[in-house]
Amino acid sequence: MTGSIMQRVRQQVQAFEPGELLTYADLSTDPASFGAVAAALSRLSREGVLKRYAKGQYYRPTPSRFGALQPSAAAVLRTLTAAEGSVSAYPVGTALYNQLGLTTQVPAE
C-alpha cells in the first residue's frame, strides 16, 4: 500500500509546474494516509525531485544554467495568502513596478 501512495504522490508532484509551492493540502489523499504522504514527500526531497521550502511546503526546482532556482516571490505569496480560492494580498509599490519593468530599483524588503 505504501508503494501505491508513493506512486500517486509522485504523479501528483509531476503535475505541478516547476517553481510552484505545494503543500500536503494540495495532494488529494485521504486524511488517514497523511503520515504516508509526508514520508513520500520527504523521500522525494531526498531523491532530489523536490526541495523543501519550509515545514510542510515543497517545490519542484526550476533548472537553470546557474543551478536550481528558488520558487518565485509570486508563488510564495499565492501560497501564503490564498484563502479558499481567492488571493487576499498582492505586490505593490517598488516591487510591482520592478516586475512590470517600469523601474530598475530593487526594494529593500
C-alpha atoms as a PDB file:
ATOM      1  CA  MET A   1       0.000   0.000   0.000  1.00  0.00           C
ATOM      2  CA  THR A   2       2.872   2.369   0.735  1.00  0.00           C
ATOM      3  CA  GLY A   3       4.245   1.881  -2.783  1.00  0.00           C
ATOM      4  CA  SER A   4       0.916   2.879  -4.303  1.00  0.00           C
ATOM      5  CA  ILE A   5       0.778   6.033  -2.168  1.00  0.00           C
ATOM      6  CA  MET A   6       4.343   6.850  -3.192  1.00  0.00           C
ATOM      7  CA  GLN A   7       3.470   6.379  -6.873  1.00  0.00           C
ATOM      8  CA  ARG A   8       0.335   8.510  -6.547  1.00  0.00           C
ATOM      9  CA  VAL A   9       2.238  11.304  -4.764  1.00  0.00           C
ATOM     10  CA  ARG A  10       4.995  11.177  -7.401  1.00  0.00           C
ATOM     11  CA  GLN A  11       2.414  11.535 -10.202  1.00  0.00           C
ATOM     12  CA  GLN A  12       0.712  14.448  -8.451  1.00  0.00           C
ATOM     13  CA  VAL A  13       4.062  16.185  -7.867  1.00  0.00           C
ATOM     14  CA  GLN A  14       4.995  15.798 -11.548  1.00  0.00           C
ATOM     15  CA  ALA A  15       1.718  17.529 -12.475  1.00  0.00           C
ATOM     16  CA  PHE A  16       2.800  20.715 -10.659  1.00  0.00           C
ATOM     17  CA  GLU A  17       4.732  23.371 -12.562  1.00  0.00           C
ATOM     18  CA  PRO A  18       8.391  23.762 -11.541  1.00  0.00           C
ATOM     19  CA  GLY A  19       8.770  26.630  -9.078  1.00  0.00           C
ATOM     20  CA  GLU A  20       5.235  26.324  -7.643  1.00  0.00           C
ATOM     21  CA  LEU A  21       4.932  25.590  -3.934  1.00  0.00           C
ATOM     22  CA  LEU A  22       2.908  22.572  -2.920  1.00  0.00           C
ATOM     23  CA  THR A  23       1.627  21.567   0.486  1.00  0.00           C
ATOM     24  CA  TYR A  24       0.018  18.490   1.945  1.00  0.00           C
ATOM     25  CA  ALA A  25      -3.406  20.010   1.233  1.00  0.00           C
ATOM     26  CA  ASP A  26      -2.590  20.254  -2.494  1.00  0.00           C
ATOM     27  CA  LEU A  27      -2.193  16.496  -2.754  1.00  0.00           C
ATOM     28  CA  SER A  28      -5.556  14.773  -2.976  1.00  0.00           C
ATOM     29  CA  THR A  29      -5.329  11.983  -0.443  1.00  0.00           C
ATOM     30  CA  ASP A  30      -7.465  10.818   2.439  1.00  0.00           C
ATOM     31  CA  PRO A  31      -6.613  12.146   5.918  1.00  0.00           C
ATOM     32  CA  ALA A  32      -5.775   8.647   7.157  1.00  0.00           C
ATOM     33  CA  SER A  33      -2.715   8.486   4.890  1.00  0.00           C
ATOM     34  CA  PHE A  34      -1.273  11.858   5.967  1.00  0.00           C
ATOM     35  CA  GLY A  35       1.821  10.238   7.501  1.00  0.00           C
ATOM     36  CA  ALA A  36       2.490   8.208   4.361  1.00  0.00           C
ATOM     37  CA  VAL A  37       2.164  11.321   2.175  1.00  0.00           C
ATOM     38  CA  ALA A  38       4.563  13.229   4.437  1.00  0.00           C
ATOM     39  CA  ALA A  39       7.044  10.342   4.233  1.00  0.00           C
ATOM     40  CA  ALA A  40       6.680  10.193   0.433  1.00  0.00           C
ATOM     41  CA  LEU A  41       7.373  13.926   0.121  1.00  0.00           C
ATOM     42  CA  SER A  42      10.409  13.524   2.362  1.00  0.00           C
ATOM     43  CA  ARG A  43      11.692  10.668   0.176  1.00  0.00           C
ATOM     44  CA  LEU A  44      11.156  12.715  -2.987  1.00  0.00           C
ATOM     45  CA  SER A  45      13.102  15.526  -1.356  1.00  0.00           C
ATOM     46  CA  ARG A  46      15.999  13.188  -0.574  1.00  0.00           C
ATOM     47  CA  GLU A  47      15.937  11.923  -4.190  1.00  0.00           C
ATOM     48  CA  GLY A  48      16.198  15.497  -5.483  1.00  0.00           C
ATOM     49  CA  VAL A  49      12.804  15.564  -7.217  1.00  0.00           C
ATOM     50  CA  LEU A  50      11.565  18.127  -4.682  1.00  0.00           C
ATOM     51  CA  LYS A  51      13.200  20.694  -2.461  1.00  0.00           C
ATOM     52  CA  ARG A  52      11.862  21.695   0.917  1.00  0.00           C
ATOM     53  CA  TYR A  53      10.968  25.377   1.176  1.00  0.00           C
ATOM     54  CA  ALA A  54       9.543  25.385   4.716  1.00  0.00           C
ATOM     55  CA  LYS A  55       7.903  22.923   7.050  1.00  0.00           C
ATOM     56  CA  GLY A  56       5.206  21.181   5.012  1.00  0.00           C
ATOM     57  CA  GLN A  57       5.992  23.186   1.847  1.00  0.00           C
ATOM     58  CA  TYR A  58       7.906  21.763  -1.087  1.00  0.00           C
ATOM     59  CA  TYR A  59       8.634  22.825  -4.658  1.00  0.00           C
ATOM     60  CA  ARG A  60       9.998  21.311  -7.841  1.00  0.00           C
ATOM     61  CA  PRO A  61      13.201  23.228  -8.548  1.00  0.00           C
ATOM     62  CA  THR A  62      13.458  25.041 -11.860  1.00  0.00           C
ATOM     63  CA  PRO A  63      16.755  24.085 -13.510  1.00  0.00           C
ATOM     64  CA  SER A  64      18.891  26.934 -14.804  1.00  0.00           C
ATOM     65  CA  ARG A  65      22.399  27.464 -16.017  1.00  0.00           C
ATOM     66  CA  PHE A  66      23.453  28.572 -12.534  1.00  0.00           C
ATOM     67  CA  GLY A  67      21.752  25.784 -10.602  1.00  0.00           C
ATOM     68  CA  ALA A  68      18.276  25.165  -9.235  1.00  0.00           C
ATOM     69  CA  LEU A  69      16.123  28.258  -8.786  1.00  0.00           C
ATOM     70  CA  GLN A  70      14.042  29.036  -5.706  1.00  0.00           C
ATOM     71  CA  PRO A  71      10.281  29.498  -6.139  1.00  0.00           C
ATOM     72  CA  SER A  72       9.240  32.947  -7.302  1.00  0.00           C
ATOM     73  CA  ALA A  73       8.005  35.544  -4.845  1.00  0.00           C
ATOM     74  CA  ALA A  74       4.605  35.411  -6.543  1.00  0.00           C
ATOM     75  CA  ALA A  75       4.329  31.647  -5.923  1.00  0.00           C
ATOM     76  CA  VAL A  76       5.218  32.087  -2.257  1.00  0.00           C
ATOM     77  CA  LEU A  77       2.760  34.963  -1.907  1.00  0.00           C
ATOM     78  CA  ARG A  78      -0.017  32.939  -3.553  1.00  0.00           C
ATOM     79  CA  THR A  79       0.554  30.016  -1.215  1.00  0.00           C
ATOM     80  CA  LEU A  80       0.706  32.109   1.936  1.00  0.00           C
ATOM     81  CA  THR A  81      -2.250  34.394   1.234  1.00  0.00           C
ATOM     82  CA  ALA A  82      -4.696  32.232  -0.730  1.00  0.00           C
ATOM     83  CA  ALA A  83      -7.819  31.712   1.344  1.00  0.00           C
ATOM     84  CA  GLU A  84     -10.479  29.463  -0.162  1.00  0.00           C
ATOM     85  CA  GLY A  85      -9.504  30.165  -3.762  1.00  0.00           C
ATOM     86  CA  SER A  86      -9.197  33.948  -3.549  1.00  0.00           C
ATOM     87  CA  VAL A  87      -5.944  35.862  -3.221  1.00  0.00           C
ATOM     88  CA  SER A  88      -6.026  38.298  -0.319  1.00  0.00           C
ATOM     89  CA  ALA A  89      -2.656  40.015  -0.932  1.00  0.00           C
ATOM     90  CA  TYR A  90      -0.666  41.201  -3.914  1.00  0.00           C
ATOM     91  CA  PRO A  91       2.603  43.061  -4.575  1.00  0.00           C
ATOM     92  CA  VAL A  92       2.544  46.861  -4.507  1.00  0.00           C
ATOM     93  CA  GLY A  93       4.997  49.745  -4.695  1.00  0.00           C
ATOM     94  CA  THR A  94       8.527  49.371  -5.965  1.00  0.00           C
ATOM     95  CA  ALA A  95       8.299  45.571  -6.145  1.00  0.00           C
ATOM     96  CA  LEU A  96       5.341  45.775  -8.521  1.00  0.00           C
ATOM     97  CA  TYR A  97       6.975  48.469 -10.665  1.00  0.00           C
ATOM     98  CA  ASN A  98      10.118  46.331 -10.883  1.00  0.00           C
ATOM     99  CA  GLN A  99       8.103  43.280 -12.041  1.00  0.00           C
ATOM    100  CA  LEU A 100       6.399  45.370 -14.710  1.00  0.00           C
ATOM    101  CA  GLY A 101       9.739  46.697 -15.935  1.00  0.00           C
ATOM    102  CA  LEU A 102       8.904  50.305 -15.133  1.00  0.00           C
ATOM    103  CA  THR A 103      11.903  50.770 -12.852  1.00  0.00           C
ATOM    104  CA  THR A 104      15.201  49.127 -12.051  1.00  0.00           C
ATOM    105  CA  GLN A 105      15.049  49.940  -8.353  1.00  0.00           C
ATOM    106  CA  VAL A 106      15.181  46.944  -6.075  1.00  0.00           C
ATOM    107  CA  PRO A 107      13.031  47.127  -2.937  1.00  0.00           C
ATOM    108  CA  ALA A 108      14.825  46.867   0.388  1.00  0.00           C
ATOM    109  CA  GLU A 109      12.379  44.269   1.725  1.00  0.00           C
END
